[in-house]
Amino acid sequence: MKEVLFSDLGRMGYAECWDKQRMMFDYMLQTKRGVQPCEDSSAENRSEVGDAGVLYLVEHNPVYTLGKSGKSENLLVSEPYLRSIGAEFFHIDRGGDITFHGHGQVVGYPILDLEKLGIGLREYIDALEEAIIGVCAEWGIEAGRIAGASGVWLDGGTSRARKICAIGVRASRYVTMHGFAMNVNTDLKYFNHINPCGFVDKGVTSLQKELGREVDMEQVKAQIVKHLAEKLKIEIYK
């Protein structure tokens, strides 16, 4: 069974986390191509990666990110307004449209070599969705998919459809980056400033909103790790 190293980064700014994610992604691509990684990062990265990659879990400060195929009009306020409420804004190279990351949300960045796992990109995204569906089930919440819309949804086939987890992934030579963002105790008012993931007719939700109480973030992280290991058929270790 392939091994993936897990690191809980705690609360971290988006730019700092982006640099860390990018460095590991580049390192894995270089080693896969047989290129000698840069001397200043190779030793550190060798000690921080499993044989199939790494999984970072993090809680970001308030930030909005727009994917490479996203539409800027799905940001409903100005960037100066975002700065006035303490939020940042980044254009990034994942798939998908605009989304929000912030306190009370578990963001996962699996940087994995899918060839080593023996799966393709579509199967990988399905596994991410299935893992979060499994986490929701542990809290007594029935979640699922919507055809043509990535992520994990509640009441997906109805007018009450609402997203509890966004998914946006980039891959190069079957090495992945970016990942998923699950709303746990997220302040959902931040989503009022965007058309989440480009949708104007669907809402967002969180475990806290659905259960009517605050949820233990550490418990959710442990559940995410467990279900990802099961769905991807990997061992995730610290």
C-alpha atoms as a PDB file:
ATOM      1  CA  MET A   1       0.000   0.000   0.000  1.00  0.00           C
ATOM      2  CA  LYS A   2       1.348   3.421  -0.978  1.00  0.00           C
ATOM      3  CA  GLU A   3       2.139   5.896   1.798  1.00  0.00           C
ATOM      4  CA  VAL A   4       1.202   9.576   2.024  1.00  0.00           C
ATOM      5  CA  LEU A   5       2.639  11.861   4.688  1.00  0.00           C
ATOM      6  CA  PHE A   6       0.046  13.948   6.554  1.00  0.00           C
ATOM      7  CA  SER A   7       0.823  17.401   7.925  1.00  0.00           C
ATOM      8  CA  ASP A   8      -1.660  19.580   9.820  1.00  0.00           C
ATOM      9  CA  LEU A   9      -0.528  23.129   9.080  1.00  0.00           C
ATOM     10  CA  GLY A  10      -2.962  24.713  11.531  1.00  0.00           C
ATOM     11  CA  ARG A  11      -3.987  28.255  10.610  1.00  0.00           C
ATOM     12  CA  MET A  12      -1.906  29.718   7.800  1.00  0.00           C
ATOM     13  CA  GLY A  13      -2.153  32.611   5.360  1.00  0.00           C
ATOM     14  CA  TYR A  14      -2.988  31.671   1.790  1.00  0.00           C
ATOM     15  CA  ALA A  15       0.206  33.028   0.221  1.00  0.00           C
ATOM     16  CA  GLU A  16       2.470  31.188   2.685  1.00  0.00           C
ATOM     17  CA  CYS A  17       0.550  27.961   2.168  1.00  0.00           C
ATOM     18  CA  TRP A  18       0.597  28.442  -1.610  1.00  0.00           C
ATOM     19  CA  ASP A  19       4.394  28.696  -1.530  1.00  0.00           C
ATOM     20  CA  LYS A  20       4.666  25.517   0.530  1.00  0.00           C
ATOM     21  CA  GLN A  21       2.269  23.638  -1.736  1.00  0.00           C
ATOM     22  CA  ARG A  22       3.986  24.886  -4.875  1.00  0.00           C
ATOM     23  CA  MET A  23       7.431  23.902  -3.628  1.00  0.00           C
ATOM     24  CA  MET A  24       6.304  20.346  -2.891  1.00  0.00           C
ATOM     25  CA  PHE A  25       4.458  20.096  -6.231  1.00  0.00           C
ATOM     26  CA  ASP A  26       7.567  21.248  -8.132  1.00  0.00           C
ATOM     27  CA  TYR A  27       9.775  18.902  -6.138  1.00  0.00           C
ATOM     28  CA  MET A  28       7.572  15.913  -6.959  1.00  0.00           C
ATOM     29  CA  LEU A  29       7.477  16.859 -10.654  1.00  0.00           C
ATOM     30  CA  GLN A  30      11.255  17.256 -10.788  1.00  0.00           C
ATOM     31  CA  THR A  31      11.950  13.916  -9.141  1.00  0.00           C
ATOM     32  CA  LYS A  32       9.390  12.239 -11.395  1.00  0.00           C
ATOM     33  CA  ARG A  33      11.144  13.655 -14.466  1.00  0.00           C
ATOM     34  CA  GLY A  34      14.506  12.509 -13.130  1.00  0.00           C
ATOM     35  CA  VAL A  35      15.670  16.094 -12.677  1.00  0.00           C
ATOM     36  CA  GLN A  36      17.870  16.853  -9.672  1.00  0.00           C
ATOM     37  CA  PRO A  37      15.813  19.186  -7.422  1.00  0.00           C
ATOM     38  CA  CYS A  38      17.277  22.490  -6.291  1.00  0.00           C
ATOM     39  CA  GLU A  39      19.793  22.052  -3.476  1.00  0.00           C
ATOM     40  CA  ASP A  40      18.074  24.493  -1.146  1.00  0.00           C
ATOM     41  CA  SER A  41      14.816  22.510  -1.023  1.00  0.00           C
ATOM     42  CA  SER A  42      15.525  18.876  -1.888  1.00  0.00           C
ATOM     43  CA  ALA A  43      16.689  17.667   1.527  1.00  0.00           C
ATOM     44  CA  GLU A  44      13.762  19.259   3.329  1.00  0.00           C
ATOM     45  CA  ASN A  45      11.240  17.941   0.819  1.00  0.00           C
ATOM     46  CA  ARG A  46      12.654  14.400   0.857  1.00  0.00           C
ATOM     47  CA  SER A  47      11.944  14.296   4.589  1.00  0.00           C
ATOM     48  CA  GLU A  48       8.421  15.703   4.142  1.00  0.00           C
ATOM     49  CA  VAL A  49       6.961  13.403   1.491  1.00  0.00           C
ATOM     50  CA  GLY A  50       5.686   9.827   1.461  1.00  0.00           C
ATOM     51  CA  ASP A  51       6.327   7.504  -1.455  1.00  0.00           C
ATOM     52  CA  ALA A  52       3.101   8.709  -3.136  1.00  0.00           C
ATOM     53  CA  GLY A  53       2.993  12.287  -1.853  1.00  0.00           C
ATOM     54  CA  VAL A  54       1.702  14.464   0.961  1.00  0.00           C
ATOM     55  CA  LEU A  55      -1.594  15.648   2.420  1.00  0.00           C
ATOM     56  CA  TYR A  56      -1.769  19.126   3.925  1.00  0.00           C
ATOM     57  CA  LEU A  57      -4.774  20.190   5.996  1.00  0.00           C
ATOM     58  CA  VAL A  58      -5.017  23.874   6.829  1.00  0.00           C
ATOM     59  CA  GLU A  59      -7.383  26.593   8.028  1.00  0.00           C
ATOM     60  CA  HIS A  60      -6.899  29.823   6.076  1.00  0.00           C
ATOM     61  CA  ASN A  61      -7.392  33.426   6.988  1.00  0.00           C
ATOM     62  CA  PRO A  62     -10.288  34.905   4.950  1.00  0.00           C
ATOM     63  CA  VAL A  63      -9.441  34.694   1.246  1.00  0.00           C
ATOM     64  CA  TYR A  64     -11.226  34.420  -2.095  1.00  0.00           C
ATOM     65  CA  THR A  65      -9.633  32.442  -4.930  1.00  0.00           C
ATOM     66  CA  LEU A  66     -10.620  32.479  -8.600  1.00  0.00           C
ATOM     67  CA  GLY A  67      -9.741  29.473 -10.782  1.00  0.00           C
ATOM     68  CA  LYS A  68      -8.119  29.788 -14.192  1.00  0.00           C
ATOM     69  CA  SER A  69     -11.423  29.298 -16.031  1.00  0.00           C
ATOM     70  CA  GLY A  70     -13.468  31.346 -13.565  1.00  0.00           C
ATOM     71  CA  LYS A  71     -15.350  34.534 -14.380  1.00  0.00           C
ATOM     72  CA  SER A  72     -14.400  37.727 -12.581  1.00  0.00           C
ATOM     73  CA  GLU A  73     -18.036  38.849 -12.505  1.00  0.00           C
ATOM     74  CA  ASN A  74     -18.716  36.088  -9.967  1.00  0.00           C
ATOM     75  CA  LEU A  75     -16.952  38.315  -7.464  1.00  0.00           C
ATOM     76  CA  LEU A  76     -19.828  40.619  -6.510  1.00  0.00           C
ATOM     77  CA  VAL A  77     -17.835  43.284  -4.646  1.00  0.00           C
ATOM     78  CA  SER A  78     -14.629  45.198  -5.332  1.00  0.00           C
ATOM     79  CA  GLU A  79     -11.199  44.075  -4.236  1.00  0.00           C
ATOM     80  CA  PRO A  80     -10.840  47.238  -2.074  1.00  0.00           C
ATOM     81  CA  TYR A  81     -14.041  46.185  -0.284  1.00  0.00           C
ATOM     82  CA  LEU A  82     -12.570  42.737   0.357  1.00  0.00           C
ATOM     83  CA  ARG A  83      -9.495  44.344   1.870  1.00  0.00           C
ATOM     84  CA  SER A  84     -11.736  46.488   4.074  1.00  0.00           C
ATOM     85  CA  ILE A  85     -13.267  43.352   5.616  1.00  0.00           C
ATOM     86  CA  GLY A  86      -9.886  41.709   6.109  1.00  0.00           C
ATOM     87  CA  ALA A  87     -10.060  39.318   3.143  1.00  0.00           C
ATOM     88  CA  GLU A  88      -7.527  38.664   0.382  1.00  0.00           C
ATOM     89  CA  PHE A  89      -8.074  37.777  -3.276  1.00  0.00           C
ATOM     90  CA  PHE A  90      -5.976  35.541  -5.558  1.00  0.00           C
ATOM     91  CA  HIS A  91      -6.170  34.334  -9.163  1.00  0.00           C
ATOM     92  CA  ILE A  92      -4.889  30.736  -9.132  1.00  0.00           C
ATOM     93  CA  ASP A  93      -4.298  27.857 -11.543  1.00  0.00           C
ATOM     94  CA  ARG A  94      -6.792  25.254 -10.327  1.00  0.00           C
ATOM     95  CA  GLY A  95      -9.982  24.268 -12.115  1.00  0.00           C
ATOM     96  CA  GLY A  96     -13.307  25.704 -11.044  1.00  0.00           C
ATOM     97  CA  ASP A  97     -14.574  29.221 -10.469  1.00  0.00           C
ATOM     98  CA  ILE A  98     -14.528  31.435  -7.376  1.00  0.00           C
ATOM     99  CA  THR A  99     -14.679  30.214  -3.808  1.00  0.00           C
ATOM    100  CA  PHE A 100     -13.987  31.360  -0.261  1.00  0.00           C
ATOM    101  CA  HIS A 101     -11.624  29.981   2.362  1.00  0.00           C
ATOM    102  CA  GLY A 102     -11.670  31.077   5.979  1.00  0.00           C
ATOM    103  CA  HIS A 103     -11.778  30.245   9.646  1.00  0.00           C
ATOM    104  CA  GLY A 104     -13.792  27.184  10.574  1.00  0.00           C
ATOM    105  CA  GLN A 105     -13.187  25.538   7.200  1.00  0.00           C
ATOM    106  CA  VAL A 106     -10.916  22.526   6.626  1.00  0.00           C
ATOM    107  CA  VAL A 107      -8.929  22.984   3.423  1.00  0.00           C
ATOM    108  CA  GLY A 108      -7.134  19.922   2.073  1.00  0.00           C
ATOM    109  CA  TYR A 109      -4.211  19.968  -0.343  1.00  0.00           C
ATOM    110  CA  PRO A 110      -3.319  16.410  -1.403  1.00  0.00           C
ATOM    111  CA  ILE A 111      -0.170  16.558  -3.535  1.00  0.00           C
ATOM    112  CA  LEU A 112      -0.140  13.038  -4.919  1.00  0.00           C
ATOM    113  CA  ASP A 113       1.363  11.028  -7.759  1.00  0.00           C
ATOM    114  CA  LEU A 114      -1.737   9.418  -9.264  1.00  0.00           C
ATOM    115  CA  GLU A 115       0.355   7.094 -11.417  1.00  0.00           C
ATOM    116  CA  LYS A 116       1.764   5.540  -8.256  1.00  0.00           C
ATOM    117  CA  LEU A 117      -1.796   5.119  -6.988  1.00  0.00           C
ATOM    118  CA  GLY A 118      -2.887   3.572 -10.293  1.00  0.00           C
ATOM    119  CA  ILE A 119      -5.789   5.976 -10.856  1.00  0.00           C
ATOM    120  CA  GLY A 120      -6.730   8.773 -13.240  1.00  0.00           C
ATOM    121  CA  LEU A 121      -7.807  12.327 -12.506  1.00  0.00           C
ATOM    122  CA  ARG A 122     -11.560  11.658 -12.729  1.00  0.00           C
ATOM    123  CA  GLU A 123     -11.284   8.691 -10.391  1.00  0.00           C
ATOM    124  CA  TYR A 124      -9.231  10.831  -8.011  1.00  0.00           C
ATOM    125  CA  ILE A 125     -11.839  13.604  -7.893  1.00  0.00           C
ATOM    126  CA  ASP A 126     -14.548  10.983  -7.337  1.00  0.00           C
ATOM    127  CA  ALA A 127     -12.532   9.645  -4.399  1.00  0.00           C
ATOM    128  CA  LEU A 128     -12.247  13.118  -2.862  1.00  0.00           C
ATOM    129  CA  GLU A 129     -16.000  13.564  -3.147  1.00  0.00           C
ATOM    130  CA  GLU A 130     -16.706  10.107  -1.732  1.00  0.00           C
ATOM    131  CA  ALA A 131     -14.423  10.788   1.229  1.00  0.00           C
ATOM    132  CA  ILE A 132     -16.310  13.966   2.156  1.00  0.00           C
ATOM    133  CA  ILE A 133     -19.653  12.223   1.626  1.00  0.00           C
ATOM    134  CA  GLY A 134     -18.413   9.649   4.132  1.00  0.00           C
ATOM    135  CA  VAL A 135     -17.460  12.345   6.644  1.00  0.00           C
ATOM    136  CA  CYS A 136     -20.919  13.900   6.347  1.00  0.00           C
ATOM    137  CA  ALA A 137     -22.505  10.493   6.973  1.00  0.00           C
ATOM    138  CA  GLU A 138     -20.585  10.224  10.248  1.00  0.00           C
ATOM    139  CA  TRP A 139     -22.491  13.312  11.400  1.00  0.00           C
ATOM    140  CA  GLY A 140     -25.826  11.932  10.230  1.00  0.00           C
ATOM    141  CA  ILE A 141     -25.938  14.120   7.127  1.00  0.00           C
ATOM    142  CA  GLU A 142     -26.824  12.641   3.738  1.00  0.00           C
ATOM    143  CA  ALA A 143     -24.666  14.231   1.059  1.00  0.00           C
ATOM    144  CA  GLY A 144     -24.025  13.476  -2.596  1.00  0.00           C
ATOM    145  CA  ARG A 145     -23.173  14.824  -6.020  1.00  0.00           C
ATOM    146  CA  ILE A 146     -24.816  16.948  -8.699  1.00  0.00           C
ATOM    147  CA  ALA A 147     -24.183  15.998 -12.333  1.00  0.00           C
ATOM    148  CA  GLY A 148     -21.929  18.561 -13.975  1.00  0.00           C
ATOM    149  CA  ALA A 149     -21.060  20.287 -10.699  1.00  0.00           C
ATOM    150  CA  SER A 150     -17.993  19.265  -8.738  1.00  0.00           C
ATOM    151  CA  GLY A 151     -17.989  19.122  -4.975  1.00  0.00           C
ATOM    152  CA  VAL A 152     -20.264  17.655  -2.328  1.00  0.00           C
ATOM    153  CA  TRP A 153     -23.877  18.764  -2.017  1.00  0.00           C
ATOM    154  CA  LEU A 154     -26.905  18.407   0.219  1.00  0.00           C
ATOM    155  CA  ASP A 155     -30.362  18.040  -1.381  1.00  0.00           C
ATOM    156  CA  GLY A 156     -28.600  18.102  -4.727  1.00  0.00           C
ATOM    157  CA  GLY A 157     -31.616  17.304  -6.885  1.00  0.00           C
ATOM    158  CA  THR A 158     -33.857  19.980  -5.387  1.00  0.00           C
ATOM    159  CA  SER A 159     -34.273  23.737  -5.266  1.00  0.00           C
ATOM    160  CA  ARG A 160     -32.616  23.592  -1.825  1.00  0.00           C
ATOM    161  CA  ALA A 161     -29.298  22.348  -3.216  1.00  0.00           C
ATOM    162  CA  ARG A 162     -26.400  23.652  -1.154  1.00  0.00           C
ATOM    163  CA  LYS A 163     -22.686  22.895  -1.242  1.00  0.00           C
ATOM    164  CA  ILE A 164     -20.828  21.770   1.853  1.00  0.00           C
ATOM    165  CA  CYS A 165     -17.480  21.093   0.179  1.00  0.00           C
ATOM    166  CA  ALA A 166     -15.859  22.701  -2.864  1.00  0.00           C
ATOM    167  CA  ILE A 167     -13.328  20.810  -4.979  1.00  0.00           C
ATOM    168  CA  GLY A 168     -10.825  22.246  -7.448  1.00  0.00           C
ATOM    169  CA  VAL A 169      -7.792  20.363  -8.671  1.00  0.00           C
ATOM    170  CA  ARG A 170      -4.822  20.891 -10.952  1.00  0.00           C
ATOM    171  CA  ALA A 171      -2.636  18.049 -12.250  1.00  0.00           C
ATOM    172  CA  SER A 172       0.576  17.880 -14.268  1.00  0.00           C
ATOM    173  CA  ARG A 173       2.125  14.542 -15.257  1.00  0.00           C
ATOM    174  CA  TYR A 174      -0.461  13.022 -12.898  1.00  0.00           C
ATOM    175  CA  VAL A 175       0.867  14.964  -9.908  1.00  0.00           C
ATOM    176  CA  THR A 176      -1.971  16.842  -8.209  1.00  0.00           C
ATOM    177  CA  MET A 177      -2.253  20.093  -6.304  1.00  0.00           C
ATOM    178  CA  HIS A 178      -5.036  22.211  -4.797  1.00  0.00           C
ATOM    179  CA  GLY A 179      -7.882  20.028  -3.493  1.00  0.00           C
ATOM    180  CA  PHE A 180     -10.987  20.570  -1.378  1.00  0.00           C
ATOM    181  CA  ALA A 181     -12.523  22.928   1.188  1.00  0.00           C
ATOM    182  CA  MET A 182     -15.113  21.591   3.635  1.00  0.00           C
ATOM    183  CA  ASN A 183     -17.281  24.007   5.579  1.00  0.00           C
ATOM    184  CA  VAL A 184     -17.318  22.945   9.216  1.00  0.00           C
ATOM    185  CA  ASN A 185     -17.849  26.025  11.409  1.00  0.00           C
ATOM    186  CA  THR A 186     -17.404  28.494   8.547  1.00  0.00           C
ATOM    187  CA  ASP A 187     -18.954  31.974   8.766  1.00  0.00           C
ATOM    188  CA  LEU A 188     -21.180  31.658   5.708  1.00  0.00           C
ATOM    189  CA  LYS A 189     -21.806  35.380   5.342  1.00  0.00           C
ATOM    190  CA  TYR A 190     -18.538  35.623   3.396  1.00  0.00           C
ATOM    191  CA  PHE A 191     -20.196  33.696   0.572  1.00  0.00           C
ATOM    192  CA  ASN A 192     -22.657  36.585   0.100  1.00  0.00           C
ATOM    193  CA  HIS A 193     -19.921  38.446  -1.776  1.00  0.00           C
ATOM    194  CA  ILE A 194     -19.584  35.843  -4.561  1.00  0.00           C
ATOM    195  CA  ASN A 195     -21.521  33.486  -6.775  1.00  0.00           C
ATOM    196  CA  PRO A 196     -19.968  30.417  -5.130  1.00  0.00           C
ATOM    197  CA  CYS A 197     -18.236  28.252  -7.748  1.00  0.00           C
ATOM    198  CA  GLY A 198     -20.052  30.331 -10.373  1.00  0.00           C
ATOM    199  CA  PHE A 199     -23.581  29.237  -9.365  1.00  0.00           C
ATOM    200  CA  VAL A 200     -26.322  31.829  -8.929  1.00  0.00           C
ATOM    201  CA  ASP A 201     -29.109  29.372  -8.052  1.00  0.00           C
ATOM    202  CA  LYS A 202     -27.460  27.201  -5.392  1.00  0.00           C
ATOM    203  CA  GLY A 203     -26.456  27.872  -1.815  1.00  0.00           C
ATOM    204  CA  VAL A 204     -23.715  26.888   0.612  1.00  0.00           C
ATOM    205  CA  THR A 205     -23.882  25.282   4.014  1.00  0.00           C
ATOM    206  CA  SER A 206     -21.691  23.918   6.806  1.00  0.00           C
ATOM    207  CA  LEU A 207     -21.747  21.114   9.339  1.00  0.00           C
ATOM    208  CA  GLN A 208     -22.458  23.718  12.010  1.00  0.00           C
ATOM    209  CA  LYS A 209     -25.464  25.110  10.146  1.00  0.00           C
ATOM    210  CA  GLU A 210     -26.911  21.680   9.422  1.00  0.00           C
ATOM    211  CA  LEU A 211     -26.428  20.394  12.981  1.00  0.00           C
ATOM    212  CA  GLY A 212     -27.285  23.611  14.799  1.00  0.00           C
ATOM    213  CA  ARG A 213     -24.113  23.504  16.907  1.00  0.00           C
ATOM    214  CA  GLU A 214     -20.380  24.042  16.675  1.00  0.00           C
ATOM    215  CA  VAL A 215     -18.409  21.014  15.528  1.00  0.00           C
ATOM    216  CA  ASP A 216     -15.020  19.764  16.743  1.00  0.00           C
ATOM    217  CA  MET A 217     -12.551  20.641  13.954  1.00  0.00           C
ATOM    218  CA  GLU A 218      -9.978  18.079  15.093  1.00  0.00           C
ATOM    219  CA  GLN A 219     -12.574  15.324  14.920  1.00  0.00           C
ATOM    220  CA  VAL A 220     -13.506  16.322  11.387  1.00  0.00           C
ATOM    221  CA  LYS A 221      -9.845  16.371  10.317  1.00  0.00           C
ATOM    222  CA  ALA A 222      -9.368  12.861  11.678  1.00  0.00           C
ATOM    223  CA  GLN A 223     -12.457  11.692   9.791  1.00  0.00           C
ATOM    224  CA  ILE A 224     -11.214  13.279   6.566  1.00  0.00           C
ATOM    225  CA  VAL A 225      -7.863  11.502   6.881  1.00  0.00           C
ATOM    226  CA  LYS A 226      -9.593   8.181   7.577  1.00  0.00           C
ATOM    227  CA  HIS A 227     -11.989   8.398   4.629  1.00  0.00           C
ATOM    228  CA  LEU A 228      -9.341   9.640   2.196  1.00  0.00           C
ATOM    229  CA  ALA A 229      -7.133   6.688   3.143  1.00  0.00           C
ATOM    230  CA  GLU A 230     -10.028   4.291   2.538  1.00  0.00           C
ATOM    231  CA  LYS A 231     -11.176   5.770  -0.774  1.00  0.00           C
ATOM    232  CA  LEU A 232      -7.691   6.231  -2.242  1.00  0.00           C
ATOM    233  CA  LYS A 233      -6.448   2.909  -0.817  1.00  0.00           C
ATOM    234  CA  ILE A 234      -3.404   4.531   0.762  1.00  0.00           C
ATOM    235  CA  GLU A 235      -1.805   4.695   4.190  1.00  0.00           C
ATOM    236  CA  ILE A 236      -1.754   8.232   5.569  1.00  0.00           C
ATOM    237  CA  TYR A 237       0.776   8.738   8.351  1.00  0.00           C
ATOM    238  CA  LYS A 238       2.279  11.598  10.342  1.00  0.00           C
END
